[in-house]
Amino acid sequence: MTGERRPLADRPLTEPHPSRLPSGHPDRARILAAHTAALAAGEAGYLDPASGLFVLSAGFLARRGTCCGRGCRHCPYVDDPPSEQA
């Protein structure tokens, strides 16, 4: 996926893919609140509430236009793998 142009995933930018932020993550609510605030302010990202590391927002990643393939938490390109046809 590195540098590959692809369409955005079919989900809101506010909702990360479950493989990147599972619903049971202990800091999920705080992370989503920080991410939503960054999106609303048009900021490139936010400080992770648990680790203090800077995390890029889905808005910033979408504006970049390509997936870097580094496993970003809010990657707007990652989607479910295609289902296998029987």
N, C-alpha and C. Protein backbone atom coordinates (compact mmCIF):
# COMPACT_ATOMS: atom_id res chain seq x y z
N MET A 1 0.81 -1.19 0.00
CA MET A 1 0.00 0.00 0.00
C MET A 1 0.86 1.26 0.00
N THR A 2 2.10 1.19 0.15
CA THR A 2 2.94 2.37 0.27
C THR A 2 2.81 3.29 -0.93
N GLY A 3 2.37 4.53 -0.66
CA GLY A 3 2.27 5.54 -1.71
C GLY A 3 1.21 5.27 -2.75
N GLU A 4 0.40 4.28 -2.53
CA GLU A 4 -0.60 3.88 -3.52
C GLU A 4 -1.84 4.76 -3.41
N ARG A 5 -2.26 5.34 -4.54
CA ARG A 5 -3.50 6.12 -4.56
C ARG A 5 -4.66 5.14 -4.56
N ARG A 6 -5.57 5.35 -3.63
CA ARG A 6 -6.74 4.49 -3.54
C ARG A 6 -7.88 5.29 -2.96
N PRO A 7 -9.10 4.83 -3.14
CA PRO A 7 -10.24 5.58 -2.60
C PRO A 7 -10.27 5.49 -1.07
N LEU A 8 -10.92 6.48 -0.47
CA LEU A 8 -11.11 6.44 0.98
C LEU A 8 -12.03 5.28 1.34
N ALA A 9 -11.84 4.72 2.51
CA ALA A 9 -12.69 3.65 2.99
C ALA A 9 -14.11 4.16 3.17
N ASP A 10 -15.06 3.25 3.12
CA ASP A 10 -16.47 3.60 3.23
C ASP A 10 -16.89 3.68 4.71
N ARG A 11 -16.37 4.70 5.40
CA ARG A 11 -16.75 4.98 6.79
C ARG A 11 -16.38 6.43 7.08
N PRO A 12 -17.01 7.03 8.07
CA PRO A 12 -16.69 8.43 8.38
C PRO A 12 -15.24 8.57 8.85
N LEU A 13 -14.65 9.73 8.60
CA LEU A 13 -13.28 9.98 9.05
C LEU A 13 -13.16 9.92 10.57
N THR A 14 -14.26 10.09 11.26
CA THR A 14 -14.25 10.06 12.73
C THR A 14 -14.14 8.64 13.27
N GLU A 15 -14.34 7.63 12.44
CA GLU A 15 -14.37 6.24 12.90
C GLU A 15 -13.18 5.46 12.35
N PRO A 16 -12.20 5.13 13.23
CA PRO A 16 -11.06 4.34 12.76
C PRO A 16 -11.46 2.90 12.49
N HIS A 17 -10.69 2.24 11.64
CA HIS A 17 -10.93 0.83 11.35
C HIS A 17 -10.73 0.03 12.65
N PRO A 18 -11.59 -0.97 12.92
CA PRO A 18 -11.48 -1.73 14.16
C PRO A 18 -10.13 -2.42 14.36
N SER A 19 -9.42 -2.69 13.28
CA SER A 19 -8.11 -3.33 13.45
C SER A 19 -7.07 -2.33 13.97
N ARG A 20 -7.36 -1.03 13.84
CA ARG A 20 -6.43 0.01 14.28
C ARG A 20 -6.78 0.57 15.65
N LEU A 21 -8.06 0.53 16.02
CA LEU A 21 -8.50 0.96 17.35
C LEU A 21 -9.73 0.12 17.71
N PRO A 22 -9.51 -1.02 18.35
CA PRO A 22 -10.62 -1.92 18.67
C PRO A 22 -11.63 -1.27 19.61
N SER A 23 -12.86 -1.74 19.53
CA SER A 23 -13.93 -1.17 20.36
C SER A 23 -13.67 -1.37 21.84
N GLY A 24 -12.89 -2.36 22.22
CA GLY A 24 -12.60 -2.61 23.63
C GLY A 24 -11.34 -1.93 24.15
N HIS A 25 -10.71 -1.10 23.35
CA HIS A 25 -9.49 -0.42 23.79
C HIS A 25 -9.80 0.43 25.02
N PRO A 26 -9.00 0.33 26.08
CA PRO A 26 -9.32 1.04 27.33
C PRO A 26 -9.34 2.57 27.20
N ASP A 27 -8.64 3.13 26.25
CA ASP A 27 -8.62 4.58 26.08
C ASP A 27 -9.39 5.04 24.85
N ARG A 28 -10.23 4.17 24.31
CA ARG A 28 -10.94 4.49 23.06
C ARG A 28 -11.72 5.80 23.13
N ALA A 29 -12.49 6.00 24.16
CA ALA A 29 -13.32 7.22 24.26
C ALA A 29 -12.44 8.47 24.29
N ARG A 30 -11.37 8.44 25.06
CA ARG A 30 -10.47 9.59 25.13
C ARG A 30 -9.76 9.82 23.80
N ILE A 31 -9.36 8.75 23.15
CA ILE A 31 -8.69 8.86 21.85
C ILE A 31 -9.64 9.45 20.81
N LEU A 32 -10.86 8.93 20.76
CA LEU A 32 -11.83 9.43 19.78
C LEU A 32 -12.19 10.89 20.04
N ALA A 33 -12.26 11.29 21.31
CA ALA A 33 -12.56 12.69 21.63
C ALA A 33 -11.42 13.59 21.15
N ALA A 34 -10.18 13.18 21.39
CA ALA A 34 -9.03 13.97 20.95
C ALA A 34 -8.98 14.03 19.42
N HIS A 35 -9.27 12.92 18.77
CA HIS A 35 -9.26 12.87 17.31
C HIS A 35 -10.36 13.75 16.72
N THR A 36 -11.55 13.67 17.28
CA THR A 36 -12.67 14.49 16.80
C THR A 36 -12.36 15.98 16.95
N ALA A 37 -11.74 16.35 18.07
CA ALA A 37 -11.36 17.75 18.28
C ALA A 37 -10.33 18.20 17.25
N ALA A 38 -9.36 17.34 16.94
CA ALA A 38 -8.35 17.67 15.93
C ALA A 38 -8.99 17.83 14.55
N LEU A 39 -9.92 16.94 14.21
CA LEU A 39 -10.62 17.04 12.92
C LEU A 39 -11.39 18.36 12.84
N ALA A 40 -12.13 18.68 13.89
CA ALA A 40 -12.95 19.90 13.90
C ALA A 40 -12.09 21.15 13.78
N ALA A 41 -10.89 21.12 14.33
CA ALA A 41 -10.01 22.28 14.30
C ALA A 41 -9.13 22.31 13.05
N GLY A 42 -9.22 21.25 12.24
CA GLY A 42 -8.40 21.17 11.03
C GLY A 42 -6.93 20.95 11.33
N GLU A 43 -6.65 20.39 12.49
CA GLU A 43 -5.27 20.13 12.89
C GLU A 43 -4.75 18.83 12.28
N ALA A 44 -3.44 18.75 12.16
CA ALA A 44 -2.81 17.56 11.57
C ALA A 44 -2.95 16.34 12.46
N GLY A 45 -3.11 16.53 13.74
CA GLY A 45 -3.23 15.40 14.64
C GLY A 45 -3.43 15.86 16.07
N TYR A 46 -3.15 14.96 17.01
CA TYR A 46 -3.38 15.22 18.42
C TYR A 46 -2.37 14.42 19.24
N LEU A 47 -2.25 14.77 20.50
CA LEU A 47 -1.41 14.00 21.41
C LEU A 47 -2.23 12.86 21.99
N ASP A 48 -1.72 11.65 21.84
CA ASP A 48 -2.41 10.48 22.37
C ASP A 48 -2.57 10.64 23.88
N PRO A 49 -3.81 10.49 24.39
CA PRO A 49 -4.05 10.71 25.81
C PRO A 49 -3.28 9.76 26.72
N ALA A 50 -2.94 8.57 26.26
CA ALA A 50 -2.25 7.60 27.12
C ALA A 50 -0.72 7.70 27.00
N SER A 51 -0.22 7.80 25.77
CA SER A 51 1.23 7.76 25.56
C SER A 51 1.88 9.13 25.41
N GLY A 52 1.08 10.12 25.02
CA GLY A 52 1.63 11.45 24.76
C GLY A 52 2.26 11.59 23.39
N LEU A 53 2.23 10.53 22.59
CA LEU A 53 2.78 10.58 21.24
C LEU A 53 1.83 11.33 20.31
N PHE A 54 2.39 11.97 19.28
CA PHE A 54 1.58 12.68 18.30
C PHE A 54 1.00 11.67 17.31
N VAL A 55 -0.31 11.73 17.08
CA VAL A 55 -1.02 10.81 16.19
C VAL A 55 -1.66 11.63 15.08
N LEU A 56 -1.42 11.25 13.83
CA LEU A 56 -2.01 11.96 12.70
C LEU A 56 -3.50 11.72 12.61
N SER A 57 -4.24 12.74 12.23
CA SER A 57 -5.69 12.62 12.09
C SER A 57 -6.06 12.04 10.73
N ALA A 58 -7.25 11.49 10.64
CA ALA A 58 -7.75 10.95 9.37
C ALA A 58 -7.87 12.05 8.34
N GLY A 59 -8.22 13.26 8.77
CA GLY A 59 -8.34 14.39 7.85
C GLY A 59 -7.00 14.71 7.20
N PHE A 60 -5.95 14.76 8.00
CA PHE A 60 -4.61 15.03 7.47
C PHE A 60 -4.20 13.93 6.49
N LEU A 61 -4.42 12.69 6.89
CA LEU A 61 -4.02 11.55 6.05
C LEU A 61 -4.82 11.52 4.74
N ALA A 62 -6.10 11.88 4.80
CA ALA A 62 -6.92 11.92 3.58
C ALA A 62 -6.44 13.03 2.65
N ARG A 63 -6.08 14.18 3.20
CA ARG A 63 -5.58 15.28 2.37
C ARG A 63 -4.26 14.93 1.70
N ARG A 64 -3.47 14.08 2.35
CA ARG A 64 -2.19 13.66 1.77
C ARG A 64 -2.41 12.89 0.47
N GLY A 65 -3.50 12.14 0.40
CA GLY A 65 -3.90 11.50 -0.85
C GLY A 65 -3.41 10.09 -1.10
N THR A 66 -2.54 9.58 -0.25
CA THR A 66 -2.06 8.21 -0.44
C THR A 66 -1.88 7.55 0.92
N CYS A 67 -1.88 6.24 0.91
CA CYS A 67 -1.61 5.45 2.11
C CYS A 67 -0.11 5.20 2.18
N CYS A 68 0.48 5.45 3.33
CA CYS A 68 1.92 5.24 3.49
C CYS A 68 2.25 3.80 3.87
N GLY A 69 1.25 3.04 4.30
CA GLY A 69 1.47 1.65 4.66
C GLY A 69 2.12 1.44 6.02
N ARG A 70 2.14 2.46 6.87
CA ARG A 70 2.80 2.35 8.17
C ARG A 70 1.86 1.99 9.31
N GLY A 71 0.61 1.72 9.02
CA GLY A 71 -0.31 1.28 10.07
C GLY A 71 -0.88 2.39 10.91
N CYS A 72 -1.08 3.58 10.33
CA CYS A 72 -1.61 4.72 11.08
C CYS A 72 -2.94 4.37 11.73
N ARG A 73 -3.12 4.82 12.96
CA ARG A 73 -4.33 4.53 13.73
C ARG A 73 -5.59 5.00 12.99
N HIS A 74 -5.54 6.18 12.39
CA HIS A 74 -6.73 6.75 11.75
C HIS A 74 -6.65 6.72 10.23
N CYS A 75 -5.92 5.75 9.68
CA CYS A 75 -5.79 5.66 8.22
C CYS A 75 -7.17 5.62 7.56
N PRO A 76 -7.45 6.59 6.69
CA PRO A 76 -8.76 6.62 6.04
C PRO A 76 -8.85 5.71 4.83
N TYR A 77 -7.78 4.99 4.54
CA TYR A 77 -7.76 4.12 3.35
C TYR A 77 -7.96 2.65 3.70
N VAL A 78 -7.53 2.24 4.90
CA VAL A 78 -7.62 0.83 5.25
C VAL A 78 -9.10 0.43 5.33
N ASP A 79 -9.38 -0.69 4.74
CA ASP A 79 -10.75 -1.20 4.70
C ASP A 79 -10.69 -2.70 4.93
N ASP A 80 -11.84 -3.32 5.07
CA ASP A 80 -11.86 -4.76 5.21
C ASP A 80 -11.30 -5.40 3.95
N PRO A 81 -10.57 -6.50 4.12
CA PRO A 81 -10.09 -7.19 2.90
C PRO A 81 -11.28 -7.69 2.11
N PRO A 82 -11.13 -7.79 0.79
CA PRO A 82 -12.24 -8.30 -0.03
C PRO A 82 -12.65 -9.69 0.44
N SER A 83 -13.94 -9.92 0.49
CA SER A 83 -14.41 -11.23 0.89
C SER A 83 -14.12 -12.24 -0.23
N GLU A 84 -13.81 -13.46 0.19
CA GLU A 84 -13.51 -14.48 -0.80
C GLU A 84 -14.81 -15.04 -1.36
N GLN A 85 -14.84 -15.20 -2.66
CA GLN A 85 -16.00 -15.74 -3.34
C GLN A 85 -15.93 -17.27 -3.30
N ALA A 86 -17.04 -17.90 -3.04
CA ALA A 86 -17.07 -19.38 -2.99
C ALA A 86 -17.17 -19.96 -4.37
